């Protein structure tokens, strides 16, 4: 969310990321303006080479969703569901179990009881 001018970086509102903006610096003063089309979207005071000038309002919306996600995770971690009072058995539909005498298995493997 920044533009560079003479080695310093200046913030622009996040909505203008990826769009073309025009930076107008006052040659005799210490200010600069950033325009998106005919609209002035930011005012900054000139900064020395290598400095970053960030207006929190320009980037606040980018941070908000992350904080909301972290807040939601924290509240979910606190809300641990209580175990159920009773357990229930669910029958599987159409399940058949055959019952055989153990001697049938012994005969199948070659030995008799």
C-alpha atoms as a PDB file:
ATOM      1  CA  UNK A   1       0.000   0.000   0.000  1.00  0.00           C
ATOM      2  CA  UNK A   2       2.865   2.391  -0.618  1.00  0.00           C
ATOM      3  CA  UNK A   3       4.368   4.479  -3.395  1.00  0.00           C
ATOM      4  CA  UNK A   4       8.002   5.461  -3.608  1.00  0.00           C
ATOM      5  CA  UNK A   5       9.325   8.972  -4.159  1.00  0.00           C
ATOM      6  CA  UNK A   6      13.041   9.834  -3.880  1.00  0.00           C
ATOM      7  CA  UNK A   7      13.736   6.705  -1.844  1.00  0.00           C
ATOM      8  CA  UNK A   8      10.981   7.240   0.729  1.00  0.00           C
ATOM      9  CA  UNK A   9       7.758   5.239   0.835  1.00  0.00           C
ATOM     10  CA  UNK A  10       4.329   6.794   1.440  1.00  0.00           C
ATOM     11  CA  UNK A  11       1.087   4.942   2.169  1.00  0.00           C
ATOM     12  CA  UNK A  12      -2.009   5.023   0.000  1.00  0.00           C
ATOM     13  CA  UNK A  13      -5.459   3.682   0.949  1.00  0.00           C
ATOM     14  CA  UNK A  14      -5.541  -0.081   0.399  1.00  0.00           C
ATOM     15  CA  UNK A  15      -8.390   0.243  -2.105  1.00  0.00           C
ATOM     16  CA  UNK A  16      -5.923   1.763  -4.584  1.00  0.00           C
ATOM     17  CA  UNK A  17      -3.420  -1.103  -4.553  1.00  0.00           C
ATOM     18  CA  UNK A  18      -2.652  -2.107  -8.130  1.00  0.00           C
ATOM     19  CA  UNK A  19      -4.091   1.065  -9.640  1.00  0.00           C
ATOM     20  CA  UNK A  20      -2.205   3.969 -11.135  1.00  0.00           C
ATOM     21  CA  UNK A  21      -1.853   6.991  -8.870  1.00  0.00           C
ATOM     22  CA  UNK A  22      -0.203  10.360  -9.432  1.00  0.00           C
ATOM     23  CA  UNK A  23       2.167  11.797  -6.838  1.00  0.00           C
ATOM     24  CA  UNK A  24       2.441  15.582  -6.781  1.00  0.00           C
ATOM     25  CA  UNK A  25       5.231  16.936  -4.598  1.00  0.00           C
ATOM     26  CA  UNK A  26       5.439  20.613  -3.730  1.00  0.00           C
ATOM     27  CA  UNK A  27       8.904  21.646  -5.027  1.00  0.00           C
ATOM     28  CA  UNK A  28       9.215  24.524  -2.554  1.00  0.00           C
ATOM     29  CA  UNK A  29       7.361  23.028   0.419  1.00  0.00           C
ATOM     30  CA  UNK A  30       7.522  19.881   2.441  1.00  0.00           C
ATOM     31  CA  UNK A  31       4.267  18.208   1.429  1.00  0.00           C
ATOM     32  CA  UNK A  32       3.040  15.843  -1.235  1.00  0.00           C
ATOM     33  CA  UNK A  33      -0.345  14.697  -2.439  1.00  0.00           C
ATOM     34  CA  UNK A  34      -1.367  11.413  -4.020  1.00  0.00           C
ATOM     35  CA  UNK A  35      -4.181  11.412  -6.555  1.00  0.00           C
ATOM     36  CA  UNK A  36      -6.285   8.582  -7.974  1.00  0.00           C
ATOM     37  CA  UNK A  37      -7.768  10.173 -11.047  1.00  0.00           C
ATOM     38  CA  UNK A  38      -9.009  13.628 -10.004  1.00  0.00           C
ATOM     39  CA  UNK A  39      -9.479  12.639  -6.337  1.00  0.00           C
ATOM     40  CA  UNK A  40      -6.782  13.373  -3.766  1.00  0.00           C
ATOM     41  CA  UNK A  41      -6.523  10.164  -1.713  1.00  0.00           C
ATOM     42  CA  UNK A  42      -3.572  11.015   0.576  1.00  0.00           C
ATOM     43  CA  UNK A  43      -1.545  13.925   1.974  1.00  0.00           C
ATOM     44  CA  UNK A  44       1.940  13.376   3.414  1.00  0.00           C
ATOM     45  CA  UNK A  45       4.840  15.403   4.719  1.00  0.00           C
ATOM     46  CA  UNK A  46       8.058  14.700   2.817  1.00  0.00           C
ATOM     47  CA  UNK A  47      10.366  12.189   4.502  1.00  0.00           C
ATOM     48  CA  UNK A  48      14.099  11.520   4.171  1.00  0.00           C
ATOM     49  CA  UNK A  49      15.536   8.817   1.915  1.00  0.00           C
ATOM     50  CA  UNK A  50      14.753   5.313   3.249  1.00  0.00           C
ATOM     51  CA  UNK A  51      11.889   6.413   5.519  1.00  0.00           C
ATOM     52  CA  UNK A  52       8.389   4.954   5.514  1.00  0.00           C
ATOM     53  CA  UNK A  53       5.373   7.158   6.163  1.00  0.00           C
ATOM     54  CA  UNK A  54       2.319   5.014   6.916  1.00  0.00           C
ATOM     55  CA  UNK A  55      -1.090   6.441   7.821  1.00  0.00           C
ATOM     56  CA  UNK A  56      -2.845   3.785   9.914  1.00  0.00           C
ATOM     57  CA  UNK A  57      -6.223   4.564   8.309  1.00  0.00           C
ATOM     58  CA  UNK A  58      -4.791   3.514   4.933  1.00  0.00           C
ATOM     59  CA  UNK A  59      -3.973  -0.021   6.098  1.00  0.00           C
ATOM     60  CA  UNK A  60      -6.395  -0.582   9.015  1.00  0.00           C
ATOM     61  CA  UNK A  61      -8.927  -2.481   6.910  1.00  0.00           C
ATOM     62  CA  UNK A  62      -6.222  -4.943   5.864  1.00  0.00           C
ATOM     63  CA  UNK A  63      -5.507  -5.827   9.493  1.00  0.00           C
ATOM     64  CA  UNK A  64      -9.113  -6.051  10.683  1.00  0.00           C
ATOM     65  CA  UNK A  65     -10.090  -9.387   9.064  1.00  0.00           C
ATOM     66  CA  UNK A  66      -7.011 -11.073  10.546  1.00  0.00           C
ATOM     67  CA  UNK A  67      -7.812  -9.811  14.041  1.00  0.00           C
ATOM     68  CA  UNK A  68     -11.419 -10.937  13.675  1.00  0.00           C
ATOM     69  CA  UNK A  69     -10.242 -14.433  12.704  1.00  0.00           C
ATOM     70  CA  UNK A  70      -7.902 -14.559  15.693  1.00  0.00           C
ATOM     71  CA  UNK A  71     -10.663 -13.358  18.008  1.00  0.00           C
ATOM     72  CA  UNK A  72     -13.045 -16.039  16.651  1.00  0.00           C
ATOM     73  CA  UNK A  73     -10.433 -18.778  17.125  1.00  0.00           C
ATOM     74  CA  UNK A  74      -9.811 -17.677  20.697  1.00  0.00           C
ATOM     75  CA  UNK A  75     -13.517 -17.777  21.554  1.00  0.00           C
ATOM     76  CA  UNK A  76     -13.876 -21.227  19.939  1.00  0.00           C
ATOM     77  CA  UNK A  77     -10.959 -22.539  21.990  1.00  0.00           C
ATOM     78  CA  UNK A  78     -12.638 -21.328  25.184  1.00  0.00           C
ATOM     79  CA  UNK A  79     -15.991 -22.913  24.307  1.00  0.00           C
ATOM     80  CA  UNK A  80     -15.318 -26.641  24.795  1.00  0.00           C
ATOM     81  CA  UNK A  81     -18.530 -28.628  24.365  1.00  0.00           C
ATOM     82  CA  UNK A  82     -19.688 -30.704  27.330  1.00  0.00           C
ATOM     83  CA  UNK A  83     -19.826 -34.486  26.859  1.00  0.00           C
ATOM     84  CA  UNK A  84     -23.298 -35.954  26.322  1.00  0.00           C
ATOM     85  CA  UNK A  85     -25.151 -37.199  29.410  1.00  0.00           C
ATOM     86  CA  UNK A  86     -26.024 -40.556  27.885  1.00  0.00           C
ATOM     87  CA  UNK A  87     -24.573 -42.607  25.088  1.00  0.00           C
ATOM     88  CA  UNK A  88     -26.829 -43.982  22.412  1.00  0.00           C
ATOM     89  CA  UNK A  89     -26.361 -47.029  20.245  1.00  0.00           C
ATOM     90  CA  UNK A  90     -27.174 -46.673  16.603  1.00  0.00           C
ATOM     91  CA  UNK A  91     -28.118 -49.845  14.737  1.00  0.00           C
ATOM     92  CA  UNK A  92     -26.654 -50.292  11.313  1.00  0.00           C
ATOM     93  CA  UNK A  93     -29.400 -50.861   8.768  1.00  0.00           C
ATOM     94  CA  UNK A  94     -29.650 -54.273   7.105  1.00  0.00           C
ATOM     95  CA  UNK A  95     -26.823 -55.892   9.061  1.00  0.00           C
ATOM     96  CA  UNK A  96     -26.990 -59.668   9.342  1.00  0.00           C
ATOM     97  CA  UNK A  97     -24.773 -61.758  11.569  1.00  0.00           C
ATOM     98  CA  UNK A  98     -24.656 -65.501  11.172  1.00  0.00           C
ATOM     99  CA  UNK A  99     -24.139 -67.670  14.212  1.00  0.00           C
ATOM    100  CA  UNK A 100     -22.390 -71.029  13.831  1.00  0.00           C
ATOM    101  CA  UNK A 101     -21.260 -73.745  16.151  1.00  0.00           C
ATOM    102  CA  UNK A 102     -17.508 -73.763  16.857  1.00  0.00           C
ATOM    103  CA  UNK A 103     -17.304 -77.370  15.605  1.00  0.00           C
ATOM    104  CA  UNK A 104     -18.125 -76.204  12.077  1.00  0.00           C
ATOM    105  CA  UNK A 105     -14.985 -74.048  12.105  1.00  0.00           C
ATOM    106  CA  UNK A 106     -12.874 -76.912  13.467  1.00  0.00           C
ATOM    107  CA  UNK A 107     -14.085 -79.202  10.661  1.00  0.00           C
ATOM    108  CA  UNK A 108     -13.311 -76.499   8.087  1.00  0.00           C
ATOM    109  CA  UNK A 109      -9.662 -76.355   9.135  1.00  0.00           C
ATOM    110  CA  UNK A 110      -9.308 -80.129   9.215  1.00  0.00           C
ATOM    111  CA  UNK A 111      -9.721 -81.059  12.842  1.00  0.00           C
ATOM    112  CA  UNK A 112     -12.719 -82.254  14.815  1.00  0.00           C
ATOM    113  CA  UNK A 113     -13.495 -81.729  18.426  1.00  0.00           C
END
